[in-house]
Amino acid sequence: MSQWSYQAPLELSDEQYVRWQALLEERTGICFLQHKSILQKGLSQRMREAGIDDYEYYFDLVSAVPEGVVEWILLVDRISVKETSFFREPKSFKTVQAFLDKRLASSAQRQDYTIDLWSVGCSTGEEAISLAMVASEAIEKSHAKLFLGIMATDISKSALAIAKRGLYSARKIEPISAALKKKYFIQTNNDDFEVLPALLQQVCFTQGNIIEFDQAPKMAMDVIFFQNVLVYFRRWRHKDVLDALVGHLKPGGMLVVGPGEVSNWQHPLMRRSADDTIQAYVRHD
């Protein structure tokens, strides 16, 4: 019988930690060398749920293919980082807003034009919903009749399930202005706030791993929002990931990463924003 209910989980030995870190990085790209506590917490939680108290046994279980695939998916869900908030890094969202205002001003007469955005690592949906509000405001301001589509991807199924519900506590929506709350949220009987269905329907939440480039959406994007994700990847992988994302931008499209997340990245098709307090790049072909 498992003893998880009666005692604290065993600490990962150094050897076990190295093995688990290598397996997770190989399969997901996520590096836990600086995040041992996150790794051990996720492992402990999932093993407790499965009634397993032996790290070696569990390692063999999730390593097996195809027998361990389902358990592997559940484990990845537990260890994935779900920290997020509405309008996190406000200056980045203001940059996107200004970019879309300018882009729509030059394309409003094109009846076939669409606005497409991609929230990479969307977690429980706050980032994607923030982008939906920013883009909706820009479209309304332009008086253009355009289609808005937002792709929101994350590796965690449980986070995506929360995102798809579009239901948030009053504390969660505190960063949103009163005007946007009134316009895009409905207060429920439980004092939670529900995203307006018309806005939520514009966001497609789907599971995806950014290192699996061949499975990324084929459509071209006006904006790719990729904040607070690369911090969990090794530096040598940053260039591969960012270079791949460039291929998913429309000409003139913008790529936004978290401030300070990337250093010395250059691409022949990309030009960095003059504002060095943000990290935004525009495709100039």
C-alpha atoms as a PDB file:
ATOM      1  CA  MET A   1       0.000   0.000   0.000  1.00  0.00           C
ATOM      2  CA  SER A   2       1.211   3.501  -0.777  1.00  0.00           C
ATOM      3  CA  GLN A   3       2.415   5.539   2.204  1.00  0.00           C
ATOM      4  CA  TRP A   4       1.912   8.958   0.565  1.00  0.00           C
ATOM      5  CA  SER A   5      -1.033   9.708   2.869  1.00  0.00           C
ATOM      6  CA  TYR A   6       1.025   9.210   6.002  1.00  0.00           C
ATOM      7  CA  GLN A   7       4.415  10.747   5.255  1.00  0.00           C
ATOM      8  CA  ALA A   8       6.070  13.390   3.144  1.00  0.00           C
ATOM      9  CA  PRO A   9       7.291  12.169  -0.250  1.00  0.00           C
ATOM     10  CA  LEU A  10      10.915  11.115  -0.497  1.00  0.00           C
ATOM     11  CA  GLU A  11      13.396  13.608  -1.841  1.00  0.00           C
ATOM     12  CA  LEU A  12      14.736  12.966  -5.305  1.00  0.00           C
ATOM     13  CA  SER A  13      18.344  11.842  -5.118  1.00  0.00           C
ATOM     14  CA  ASP A  14      20.829  13.715  -7.295  1.00  0.00           C
ATOM     15  CA  GLU A  15      20.995  10.757  -9.674  1.00  0.00           C
ATOM     16  CA  GLN A  16      17.220  10.490  -9.907  1.00  0.00           C
ATOM     17  CA  TYR A  17      16.902  14.230 -10.453  1.00  0.00           C
ATOM     18  CA  VAL A  18      19.347  14.118 -13.377  1.00  0.00           C
ATOM     19  CA  ARG A  19      17.459  11.221 -14.991  1.00  0.00           C
ATOM     20  CA  TRP A  20      14.055  12.860 -14.626  1.00  0.00           C
ATOM     21  CA  GLN A  21      15.321  16.231 -15.841  1.00  0.00           C
ATOM     22  CA  ALA A  22      16.891  14.616 -18.941  1.00  0.00           C
ATOM     23  CA  LEU A  23      13.723  12.683 -19.816  1.00  0.00           C
ATOM     24  CA  LEU A  24      11.442  15.698 -19.457  1.00  0.00           C
ATOM     25  CA  GLU A  25      13.731  17.992 -21.421  1.00  0.00           C
ATOM     26  CA  GLU A  26      14.126  15.464 -24.222  1.00  0.00           C
ATOM     27  CA  ARG A  27      10.385  15.052 -24.641  1.00  0.00           C
ATOM     28  CA  THR A  28       9.061  18.555 -23.853  1.00  0.00           C
ATOM     29  CA  GLY A  29      12.015  20.924 -24.216  1.00  0.00           C
ATOM     30  CA  ILE A  30      11.402  22.189 -20.669  1.00  0.00           C
ATOM     31  CA  CYS A  31      14.568  22.413 -18.601  1.00  0.00           C
ATOM     32  CA  PHE A  32      14.238  21.978 -14.840  1.00  0.00           C
ATOM     33  CA  LEU A  33      17.906  22.462 -13.923  1.00  0.00           C
ATOM     34  CA  GLN A  34      17.000  25.713 -12.154  1.00  0.00           C
ATOM     35  CA  HIS A  35      13.542  24.569 -11.097  1.00  0.00           C
ATOM     36  CA  LYS A  36      14.006  21.416  -9.017  1.00  0.00           C
ATOM     37  CA  SER A  37      11.192  22.341  -6.626  1.00  0.00           C
ATOM     38  CA  ILE A  38       8.701  22.589  -9.502  1.00  0.00           C
ATOM     39  CA  LEU A  39       9.796  19.217 -10.855  1.00  0.00           C
ATOM     40  CA  GLN A  40       9.620  17.446  -7.505  1.00  0.00           C
ATOM     41  CA  LYS A  41       6.268  19.017  -6.606  1.00  0.00           C
ATOM     42  CA  GLY A  42       4.699  17.887  -9.890  1.00  0.00           C
ATOM     43  CA  LEU A  43       6.180  14.403  -9.612  1.00  0.00           C
ATOM     44  CA  SER A  44       5.001  14.026  -6.022  1.00  0.00           C
ATOM     45  CA  GLN A  45       1.491  15.186  -6.850  1.00  0.00           C
ATOM     46  CA  ARG A  46       1.012  12.818  -9.768  1.00  0.00           C
ATOM     47  CA  MET A  47       2.615   9.823  -8.012  1.00  0.00           C
ATOM     48  CA  ARG A  48       0.382  10.394  -4.999  1.00  0.00           C
ATOM     49  CA  GLU A  49      -2.678  10.418  -7.267  1.00  0.00           C
ATOM     50  CA  ALA A  50      -1.515   7.179  -8.907  1.00  0.00           C
ATOM     51  CA  GLY A  51      -0.749   5.490  -5.572  1.00  0.00           C
ATOM     52  CA  ILE A  52       2.946   5.087  -6.406  1.00  0.00           C
ATOM     53  CA  ASP A  53       5.767   5.836  -3.971  1.00  0.00           C
ATOM     54  CA  ASP A  54       8.831   4.640  -5.877  1.00  0.00           C
ATOM     55  CA  TYR A  55      10.569   7.099  -8.228  1.00  0.00           C
ATOM     56  CA  GLU A  56      12.403   4.353 -10.107  1.00  0.00           C
ATOM     57  CA  TYR A  57       9.244   2.340 -10.722  1.00  0.00           C
ATOM     58  CA  TYR A  58       7.410   5.459 -11.884  1.00  0.00           C
ATOM     59  CA  PHE A  59      10.277   6.456 -14.179  1.00  0.00           C
ATOM     60  CA  ASP A  60      10.132   3.058 -15.901  1.00  0.00           C
ATOM     61  CA  LEU A  61       6.350   3.355 -16.167  1.00  0.00           C
ATOM     62  CA  VAL A  62       6.255   6.731 -17.938  1.00  0.00           C
ATOM     63  CA  SER A  63       9.294   5.892 -20.087  1.00  0.00           C
ATOM     64  CA  ALA A  64       7.568   2.906 -21.672  1.00  0.00           C
ATOM     65  CA  VAL A  65       6.121   3.448 -25.153  1.00  0.00           C
ATOM     66  CA  PRO A  66       3.273   3.029 -25.859  1.00  0.00           C
ATOM     67  CA  GLU A  67       2.251   1.590 -22.468  1.00  0.00           C
ATOM     68  CA  GLY A  68       3.164   4.704 -20.491  1.00  0.00           C
ATOM     69  CA  VAL A  69       1.821   7.364 -22.870  1.00  0.00           C
ATOM     70  CA  VAL A  70      -1.374   8.131 -20.923  1.00  0.00           C
ATOM     71  CA  GLU A  71       0.478   8.393 -17.619  1.00  0.00           C
ATOM     72  CA  TRP A  72       3.147  10.562 -19.265  1.00  0.00           C
ATOM     73  CA  ILE A  73       0.481  13.026 -20.435  1.00  0.00           C
ATOM     74  CA  LEU A  74      -0.923  13.235 -16.905  1.00  0.00           C
ATOM     75  CA  LEU A  75       2.541  13.840 -15.459  1.00  0.00           C
ATOM     76  CA  VAL A  76       3.382  16.614 -17.931  1.00  0.00           C
ATOM     77  CA  ASP A  77       0.112  18.271 -17.006  1.00  0.00           C
ATOM     78  CA  ARG A  78       1.140  18.307 -13.346  1.00  0.00           C
ATOM     79  CA  ILE A  79       4.635  19.708 -13.856  1.00  0.00           C
ATOM     80  CA  SER A  80       3.772  22.374 -16.426  1.00  0.00           C
ATOM     81  CA  VAL A  81       3.954  25.913 -15.049  1.00  0.00           C
ATOM     82  CA  LYS A  82       0.540  27.611 -14.946  1.00  0.00           C
ATOM     83  CA  GLU A  83       1.494  31.046 -13.614  1.00  0.00           C
ATOM     84  CA  THR A  84      -0.248  33.780 -15.605  1.00  0.00           C
ATOM     85  CA  SER A  85      -2.493  36.840 -15.277  1.00  0.00           C
ATOM     86  CA  PHE A  86      -4.521  39.255 -17.368  1.00  0.00           C
ATOM     87  CA  PHE A  87      -2.405  41.894 -19.119  1.00  0.00           C
ATOM     88  CA  ARG A  88       0.826  40.548 -17.652  1.00  0.00           C
ATOM     89  CA  GLU A  89       3.646  42.842 -18.867  1.00  0.00           C
ATOM     90  CA  PRO A  90       1.253  45.742 -19.690  1.00  0.00           C
ATOM     91  CA  LYS A  91       3.730  47.523 -21.984  1.00  0.00           C
ATOM     92  CA  SER A  92       3.802  44.501 -24.287  1.00  0.00           C
ATOM     93  CA  PHE A  93       0.020  44.641 -24.661  1.00  0.00           C
ATOM     94  CA  LYS A  94       0.128  48.382 -25.321  1.00  0.00           C
ATOM     95  CA  THR A  95       2.682  47.674 -28.054  1.00  0.00           C
ATOM     96  CA  VAL A  96       0.361  45.111 -29.625  1.00  0.00           C
ATOM     97  CA  GLN A  97      -2.528  47.567 -29.438  1.00  0.00           C
ATOM     98  CA  ALA A  98      -0.547  50.320 -31.187  1.00  0.00           C
ATOM     99  CA  PHE A  99       0.680  47.818 -33.772  1.00  0.00           C
ATOM    100  CA  LEU A 100      -2.832  46.620 -34.587  1.00  0.00           C
ATOM    101  CA  ASP A 101      -4.188  50.176 -34.762  1.00  0.00           C
ATOM    102  CA  LYS A 102      -1.566  51.030 -37.363  1.00  0.00           C
ATOM    103  CA  ARG A 103      -1.981  47.756 -39.243  1.00  0.00           C
ATOM    104  CA  LEU A 104      -5.752  48.100 -39.457  1.00  0.00           C
ATOM    105  CA  ALA A 105      -5.508  51.693 -40.625  1.00  0.00           C
ATOM    106  CA  SER A 106      -3.688  50.487 -43.733  1.00  0.00           C
ATOM    107  CA  SER A 107      -5.839  47.402 -44.363  1.00  0.00           C
ATOM    108  CA  ALA A 108      -9.374  48.410 -43.382  1.00  0.00           C
ATOM    109  CA  GLN A 109     -10.496  48.665 -46.997  1.00  0.00           C
ATOM    110  CA  ARG A 110      -9.569  45.044 -47.721  1.00  0.00           C
ATOM    111  CA  GLN A 111     -12.728  43.006 -47.258  1.00  0.00           C
ATOM    112  CA  ASP A 112     -10.800  39.728 -47.225  1.00  0.00           C
ATOM    113  CA  TYR A 113      -8.450  40.753 -44.423  1.00  0.00           C
ATOM    114  CA  THR A 114      -8.400  38.835 -41.162  1.00  0.00           C
ATOM    115  CA  ILE A 115      -6.658  39.512 -37.864  1.00  0.00           C
ATOM    116  CA  ASP A 116      -4.942  36.382 -36.579  1.00  0.00           C
ATOM    117  CA  LEU A 117      -3.067  36.127 -33.283  1.00  0.00           C
ATOM    118  CA  TRP A 118      -1.318  33.260 -31.515  1.00  0.00           C
ATOM    119  CA  SER A 119      -0.889  33.041 -27.746  1.00  0.00           C
ATOM    120  CA  VAL A 120       1.904  30.506 -27.170  1.00  0.00           C
ATOM    121  CA  GLY A 121       1.909  28.941 -23.707  1.00  0.00           C
ATOM    122  CA  CYS A 122      -1.525  30.373 -22.916  1.00  0.00           C
ATOM    123  CA  SER A 123      -1.952  28.451 -19.634  1.00  0.00           C
ATOM    124  CA  THR A 124      -5.413  29.083 -18.144  1.00  0.00           C
ATOM    125  CA  GLY A 125      -6.353  31.609 -20.816  1.00  0.00           C
ATOM    126  CA  GLU A 126      -5.756  35.038 -19.281  1.00  0.00           C
ATOM    127  CA  GLU A 127      -3.160  36.019 -21.899  1.00  0.00           C
ATOM    128  CA  ALA A 128      -5.285  34.910 -24.847  1.00  0.00           C
ATOM    129  CA  ILE A 129      -8.388  36.675 -23.513  1.00  0.00           C
ATOM    130  CA  SER A 130      -6.324  39.833 -22.974  1.00  0.00           C
ATOM    131  CA  LEU A 131      -5.204  39.672 -26.606  1.00  0.00           C
ATOM    132  CA  ALA A 132      -8.799  39.111 -27.723  1.00  0.00           C
ATOM    133  CA  MET A 133      -9.899  42.270 -25.924  1.00  0.00           C
ATOM    134  CA  VAL A 134      -7.014  44.314 -27.358  1.00  0.00           C
ATOM    135  CA  ALA A 135      -7.692  43.090 -30.909  1.00  0.00           C
ATOM    136  CA  SER A 136     -11.462  43.575 -30.604  1.00  0.00           C
ATOM    137  CA  GLU A 137     -10.938  47.149 -29.455  1.00  0.00           C
ATOM    138  CA  ALA A 138      -8.602  47.822 -32.383  1.00  0.00           C
ATOM    139  CA  ILE A 139     -11.081  46.408 -34.896  1.00  0.00           C
ATOM    140  CA  GLU A 140     -13.933  48.422 -33.419  1.00  0.00           C
ATOM    141  CA  LYS A 141     -11.823  51.574 -33.538  1.00  0.00           C
ATOM    142  CA  SER A 142     -11.022  50.998 -37.229  1.00  0.00           C
ATOM    143  CA  HIS A 143     -14.732  50.538 -38.116  1.00  0.00           C
ATOM    144  CA  ALA A 144     -13.648  47.613 -40.271  1.00  0.00           C
ATOM    145  CA  LYS A 145     -15.676  44.428 -40.668  1.00  0.00           C
ATOM    146  CA  LEU A 146     -12.939  41.879 -40.196  1.00  0.00           C
ATOM    147  CA  PHE A 147     -12.672  38.335 -38.886  1.00  0.00           C
ATOM    148  CA  LEU A 148     -10.704  37.936 -35.655  1.00  0.00           C
ATOM    149  CA  GLY A 149      -9.172  34.583 -34.818  1.00  0.00           C
ATOM    150  CA  ILE A 150      -6.903  33.759 -31.886  1.00  0.00           C
ATOM    151  CA  MET A 151      -4.996  30.497 -31.579  1.00  0.00           C
ATOM    152  CA  ALA A 152      -4.079  29.701 -27.968  1.00  0.00           C
ATOM    153  CA  THR A 153      -1.836  26.708 -27.274  1.00  0.00           C
ATOM    154  CA  ASP A 154      -0.479  25.085 -24.151  1.00  0.00           C
ATOM    155  CA  ILE A 155       0.976  21.727 -23.154  1.00  0.00           C
ATOM    156  CA  SER A 156      -1.383  21.336 -20.150  1.00  0.00           C
ATOM    157  CA  LYS A 157      -4.835  19.865 -20.723  1.00  0.00           C
ATOM    158  CA  SER A 158      -6.092  20.889 -17.285  1.00  0.00           C
ATOM    159  CA  ALA A 159      -5.028  24.506 -17.870  1.00  0.00           C
ATOM    160  CA  LEU A 160      -6.782  24.506 -21.245  1.00  0.00           C
ATOM    161  CA  ALA A 161      -9.952  23.122 -19.648  1.00  0.00           C
ATOM    162  CA  ILE A 162     -10.030  26.159 -17.345  1.00  0.00           C
ATOM    163  CA  ALA A 163      -9.324  28.479 -20.276  1.00  0.00           C
ATOM    164  CA  LYS A 164     -12.188  27.054 -22.330  1.00  0.00           C
ATOM    165  CA  ARG A 165     -14.664  27.729 -19.506  1.00  0.00           C
ATOM    166  CA  GLY A 166     -13.725  31.406 -19.460  1.00  0.00           C
ATOM    167  CA  LEU A 167     -14.703  31.781 -15.800  1.00  0.00           C
ATOM    168  CA  TYR A 168     -12.500  33.810 -13.448  1.00  0.00           C
ATOM    169  CA  SER A 169     -12.646  35.109  -9.888  1.00  0.00           C
ATOM    170  CA  ALA A 170     -12.947  38.799  -9.037  1.00  0.00           C
ATOM    171  CA  ARG A 171      -9.337  38.730  -7.863  1.00  0.00           C
ATOM    172  CA  LYS A 172      -8.166  37.303 -11.185  1.00  0.00           C
ATOM    173  CA  ILE A 173      -9.726  40.086 -13.246  1.00  0.00           C
ATOM    174  CA  GLU A 174      -8.415  42.944 -11.068  1.00  0.00           C
ATOM    175  CA  PRO A 175      -5.770  43.984 -13.677  1.00  0.00           C
ATOM    176  CA  ILE A 176      -8.521  44.654 -16.245  1.00  0.00           C
ATOM    177  CA  SER A 177      -9.857  48.192 -16.580  1.00  0.00           C
ATOM    178  CA  ALA A 178     -13.414  48.885 -15.421  1.00  0.00           C
ATOM    179  CA  ALA A 179     -14.480  49.699 -18.983  1.00  0.00           C
ATOM    180  CA  LEU A 180     -13.212  46.394 -20.387  1.00  0.00           C
ATOM    181  CA  LYS A 181     -14.707  44.417 -17.486  1.00  0.00           C
ATOM    182  CA  LYS A 182     -18.099  45.945 -18.151  1.00  0.00           C
ATOM    183  CA  LYS A 183     -17.827  45.329 -21.884  1.00  0.00           C
ATOM    184  CA  TYR A 184     -16.388  41.811 -22.009  1.00  0.00           C
ATOM    185  CA  PHE A 185     -17.379  40.073 -18.736  1.00  0.00           C
ATOM    186  CA  ILE A 186     -20.628  38.957 -17.124  1.00  0.00           C
ATOM    187  CA  GLN A 187     -20.826  38.644 -13.333  1.00  0.00           C
ATOM    188  CA  THR A 188     -22.286  35.329 -12.170  1.00  0.00           C
ATOM    189  CA  ASN A 189     -24.405  34.532  -9.124  1.00  0.00           C
ATOM    190  CA  ASN A 190     -21.243  33.291  -7.371  1.00  0.00           C
ATOM    191  CA  ASP A 191     -19.499  36.652  -7.872  1.00  0.00           C
ATOM    192  CA  ASP A 192     -17.187  35.127 -10.460  1.00  0.00           C
ATOM    193  CA  PHE A 193     -16.863  36.686 -13.892  1.00  0.00           C
ATOM    194  CA  GLU A 194     -17.575  34.935 -17.182  1.00  0.00           C
ATOM    195  CA  VAL A 195     -15.971  36.018 -20.442  1.00  0.00           C
ATOM    196  CA  LEU A 196     -18.588  37.266 -22.882  1.00  0.00           C
ATOM    197  CA  PRO A 197     -19.394  34.262 -25.136  1.00  0.00           C
ATOM    198  CA  ALA A 198     -18.974  36.336 -28.305  1.00  0.00           C
ATOM    199  CA  LEU A 199     -15.388  37.117 -27.271  1.00  0.00           C
ATOM    200  CA  LEU A 200     -14.529  33.628 -26.000  1.00  0.00           C
ATOM    201  CA  GLN A 201     -15.742  32.090 -29.268  1.00  0.00           C
ATOM    202  CA  GLN A 202     -13.016  33.976 -31.103  1.00  0.00           C
ATOM    203  CA  VAL A 203     -10.317  32.024 -29.229  1.00  0.00           C
ATOM    204  CA  CYS A 204      -9.390  28.459 -30.178  1.00  0.00           C
ATOM    205  CA  PHE A 205      -7.713  26.729 -27.237  1.00  0.00           C
ATOM    206  CA  THR A 206      -5.717  23.669 -28.242  1.00  0.00           C
ATOM    207  CA  GLN A 207      -2.971  21.470 -26.823  1.00  0.00           C
ATOM    208  CA  GLY A 208       0.467  21.841 -28.351  1.00  0.00           C
ATOM    209  CA  ASN A 209       4.180  21.644 -27.598  1.00  0.00           C
ATOM    210  CA  ILE A 210       6.219  24.478 -29.072  1.00  0.00           C
ATOM    211  CA  ILE A 211       9.226  22.267 -29.856  1.00  0.00           C
ATOM    212  CA  GLU A 212       7.084  20.141 -32.187  1.00  0.00           C
ATOM    213  CA  PHE A 213       7.377  22.624 -35.030  1.00  0.00           C
ATOM    214  CA  ASP A 214       5.786  20.369 -37.628  1.00  0.00           C
ATOM    215  CA  GLN A 215       2.543  20.316 -35.635  1.00  0.00           C
ATOM    216  CA  ALA A 216       2.275  24.085 -35.224  1.00  0.00           C
ATOM    217  CA  PRO A 217      -0.664  25.804 -36.952  1.00  0.00           C
ATOM    218  CA  LYS A 218      -0.016  26.435 -40.634  1.00  0.00           C
ATOM    219  CA  MET A 219      -1.917  29.719 -40.808  1.00  0.00           C
ATOM    220  CA  ALA A 220       0.078  32.957 -40.815  1.00  0.00           C
ATOM    221  CA  MET A 221      -0.292  35.340 -37.873  1.00  0.00           C
ATOM    222  CA  ASP A 222      -0.424  39.111 -37.477  1.00  0.00           C
ATOM    223  CA  VAL A 223       0.873  38.771 -33.903  1.00  0.00           C
ATOM    224  CA  ILE A 224       2.582  35.922 -32.058  1.00  0.00           C
ATOM    225  CA  PHE A 225       2.658  36.503 -28.302  1.00  0.00           C
ATOM    226  CA  PHE A 226       5.342  34.355 -26.680  1.00  0.00           C
ATOM    227  CA  GLN A 227       5.997  35.662 -23.194  1.00  0.00           C
ATOM    228  CA  ASN A 228       7.369  33.929 -20.083  1.00  0.00           C
ATOM    229  CA  VAL A 229       7.982  30.613 -21.848  1.00  0.00           C
ATOM    230  CA  LEU A 230      11.609  30.675 -22.978  1.00  0.00           C
ATOM    231  CA  VAL A 231      12.779  31.018 -19.377  1.00  0.00           C
ATOM    232  CA  TYR A 232      12.108  27.269 -19.061  1.00  0.00           C
ATOM    233  CA  PHE A 233      14.204  26.382 -22.125  1.00  0.00           C
ATOM    234  CA  ARG A 234      17.946  26.166 -22.585  1.00  0.00           C
ATOM    235  CA  ARG A 235      19.573  29.091 -24.363  1.00  0.00           C
ATOM    236  CA  TRP A 236      20.679  27.018 -27.363  1.00  0.00           C
ATOM    237  CA  ARG A 237      17.022  26.135 -28.029  1.00  0.00           C
ATOM    238  CA  HIS A 238      15.859  29.767 -28.046  1.00  0.00           C
ATOM    239  CA  LYS A 239      17.094  30.446 -31.578  1.00  0.00           C
ATOM    240  CA  ASP A 240      15.474  27.308 -33.008  1.00  0.00           C
ATOM    241  CA  VAL A 241      12.111  28.146 -31.438  1.00  0.00           C
ATOM    242  CA  LEU A 242      12.128  31.821 -32.423  1.00  0.00           C
ATOM    243  CA  ASP A 243      13.339  31.121 -35.963  1.00  0.00           C
ATOM    244  CA  ALA A 244      10.479  28.648 -36.379  1.00  0.00           C
ATOM    245  CA  LEU A 245       7.937  31.197 -35.162  1.00  0.00           C
ATOM    246  CA  VAL A 246       9.120  33.723 -37.774  1.00  0.00           C
ATOM    247  CA  GLY A 247       7.854  31.323 -40.421  1.00  0.00           C
ATOM    248  CA  HIS A 248       4.349  31.630 -38.952  1.00  0.00           C
ATOM    249  CA  LEU A 249       4.150  35.424 -39.273  1.00  0.00           C
ATOM    250  CA  LYS A 250       2.465  37.354 -42.047  1.00  0.00           C
ATOM    251  CA  PRO A 251       4.661  39.934 -43.785  1.00  0.00           C
ATOM    252  CA  GLY A 252       4.771  42.873 -41.398  1.00  0.00           C
ATOM    253  CA  GLY A 253       3.650  40.661 -38.499  1.00  0.00           C
ATOM    254  CA  MET A 254       4.911  41.091 -34.938  1.00  0.00           C
ATOM    255  CA  LEU A 255       6.574  38.631 -32.552  1.00  0.00           C
ATOM    256  CA  VAL A 256       6.464  39.581 -28.856  1.00  0.00           C
ATOM    257  CA  VAL A 257       8.601  37.828 -26.230  1.00  0.00           C
ATOM    258  CA  GLY A 258       8.992  38.564 -22.521  1.00  0.00           C
ATOM    259  CA  PRO A 259      11.292  41.442 -21.532  1.00  0.00           C
ATOM    260  CA  GLY A 260      14.805  40.141 -20.988  1.00  0.00           C
ATOM    261  CA  GLU A 261      13.969  36.588 -22.047  1.00  0.00           C
ATOM    262  CA  VAL A 262      16.204  36.621 -25.122  1.00  0.00           C
ATOM    263  CA  SER A 263      19.592  38.176 -25.740  1.00  0.00           C
ATOM    264  CA  ASN A 264      21.418  38.629 -29.043  1.00  0.00           C
ATOM    265  CA  TRP A 265      18.741  36.926 -31.170  1.00  0.00           C
ATOM    266  CA  GLN A 266      18.763  38.145 -34.748  1.00  0.00           C
ATOM    267  CA  HIS A 267      16.936  37.041 -37.869  1.00  0.00           C
ATOM    268  CA  PRO A 268      17.342  38.419 -41.396  1.00  0.00           C
ATOM    269  CA  LEU A 269      13.589  38.985 -41.744  1.00  0.00           C
ATOM    270  CA  MET A 270      13.039  40.576 -38.328  1.00  0.00           C
ATOM    271  CA  ARG A 271      13.602  44.088 -37.021  1.00  0.00           C
ATOM    272  CA  ARG A 272      13.486  44.810 -33.287  1.00  0.00           C
ATOM    273  CA  SER A 273      11.288  47.538 -31.838  1.00  0.00           C
ATOM    274  CA  ALA A 274      13.130  50.754 -30.975  1.00  0.00           C
ATOM    275  CA  ASP A 275      11.676  50.620 -27.451  1.00  0.00           C
ATOM    276  CA  ASP A 276      14.231  48.606 -25.489  1.00  0.00           C
ATOM    277  CA  THR A 277      11.918  48.195 -22.478  1.00  0.00           C
ATOM    278  CA  ILE A 278       9.988  45.550 -24.423  1.00  0.00           C
ATOM    279  CA  GLN A 279      11.069  42.755 -26.753  1.00  0.00           C
ATOM    280  CA  ALA A 280       9.037  42.958 -29.932  1.00  0.00           C
ATOM    281  CA  TYR A 281      10.164  42.181 -33.474  1.00  0.00           C
ATOM    282  CA  VAL A 282       8.479  42.994 -36.792  1.00  0.00           C
ATOM    283  CA  ARG A 283       8.836  40.946 -39.968  1.00  0.00           C
ATOM    284  CA  HIS A 284       9.884  43.368 -42.687  1.00  0.00           C
ATOM    285  CA  ASP A 285       9.635  41.341 -45.923  1.00  0.00           C
END
